[in-house]
Amino acid sequence: MTLEKIIKKTLNLTSLTQGESKILFTNIMDGKIEDATLKKILINMSEKGETAEEITGGAEVLREKCLKINLSDAEKYFKKNNFIFMFAPLYHSAMKNVANVRKELKKRTIFNLLGPLCNPANVNRQCIGVFSNEILEKYIQVLKKLGTKKAWVFHSEDGLDEISIFSKTKVYELNNNEITSFEINPNTIIQNEYRFDDIVGKDAEYNAQKIIDLFKGKTGALNEIVSLNTAAGLLVLDKFSNLKEAYSYTKDFLNSGKAFNYLNELS
């Protein structure tokens, strides 16, 4: 199918096949679609609801375009320190052709779904929080199509794109091509009750201090939610098989202050 016909399908709110999505996103990432048209495409896809085929096609293109990078320095740093922060714009240079449109739209588009699927480290295990329950099943299907070994995708009843310490969280798991779903009830893991405001950030200075406090072992809501979500990562890595045990391990580590000591070593 020609690009013109594919664009017409999106403007008519018609879903694309995986192959059509690949053609569309190849042209988008190569800067061959005018901004005004691209805006209409992204808005229409969002209003219609992006399908698993559309997301998979886009992700395949972004992986091809964005992941052809030299990771040797990053890999050396990670192996030395067992830690690394990879600033996305440095590794996703192909995204420059859509940066202005995304900034002008000021709303979620399919690119918010594609970002986590294009990790520059080319990982095969992931924990991904999404912005609505409607995305969960199609997103785990996308990860399966992309060959991910193990993943959790989740959204909480109170609207978080992470595992909540206040409400139940719906989780879809992919493990060796098998998909299952379950709920996490924080009341079965966390003993204390907290207010939602306790985890809300403010400016950069405030947030940085909260991270330092957390690494020093300060207890409270932030300690709990970081421990719970880190525990999920440990399960996806097969370091633990029980969420509560992984949570207790993580919480004990944070409370020990070892994370802060290690931060000082890195700096």
Foldseek 3Di string as FASTA:
>chain_A
DDLVVLLVCLLVLHADALVSLLVNLLCQLVLNDDLVSVLSSFVSCVVSDHFLSNLLSNLVNQLVQQQPDDCVVVVVVCVVQVDDDDDVCVRRVSCPSCVVSCVVVVDDTSVVLNVVSNPNVNALEEEWFDQDPVVQPSSVVSSLVVPRAKYKYKAFPVGDSAQDLAGKMKIWMAHRNDIDIDIDGNVVQDPDDDDPVQPDADDPVRVVVVVLCQLQQDDDDVLQRVLQRVLVVCVSVVVDVDSNVSSVVSNVNSNVSVSNVSVVVVD
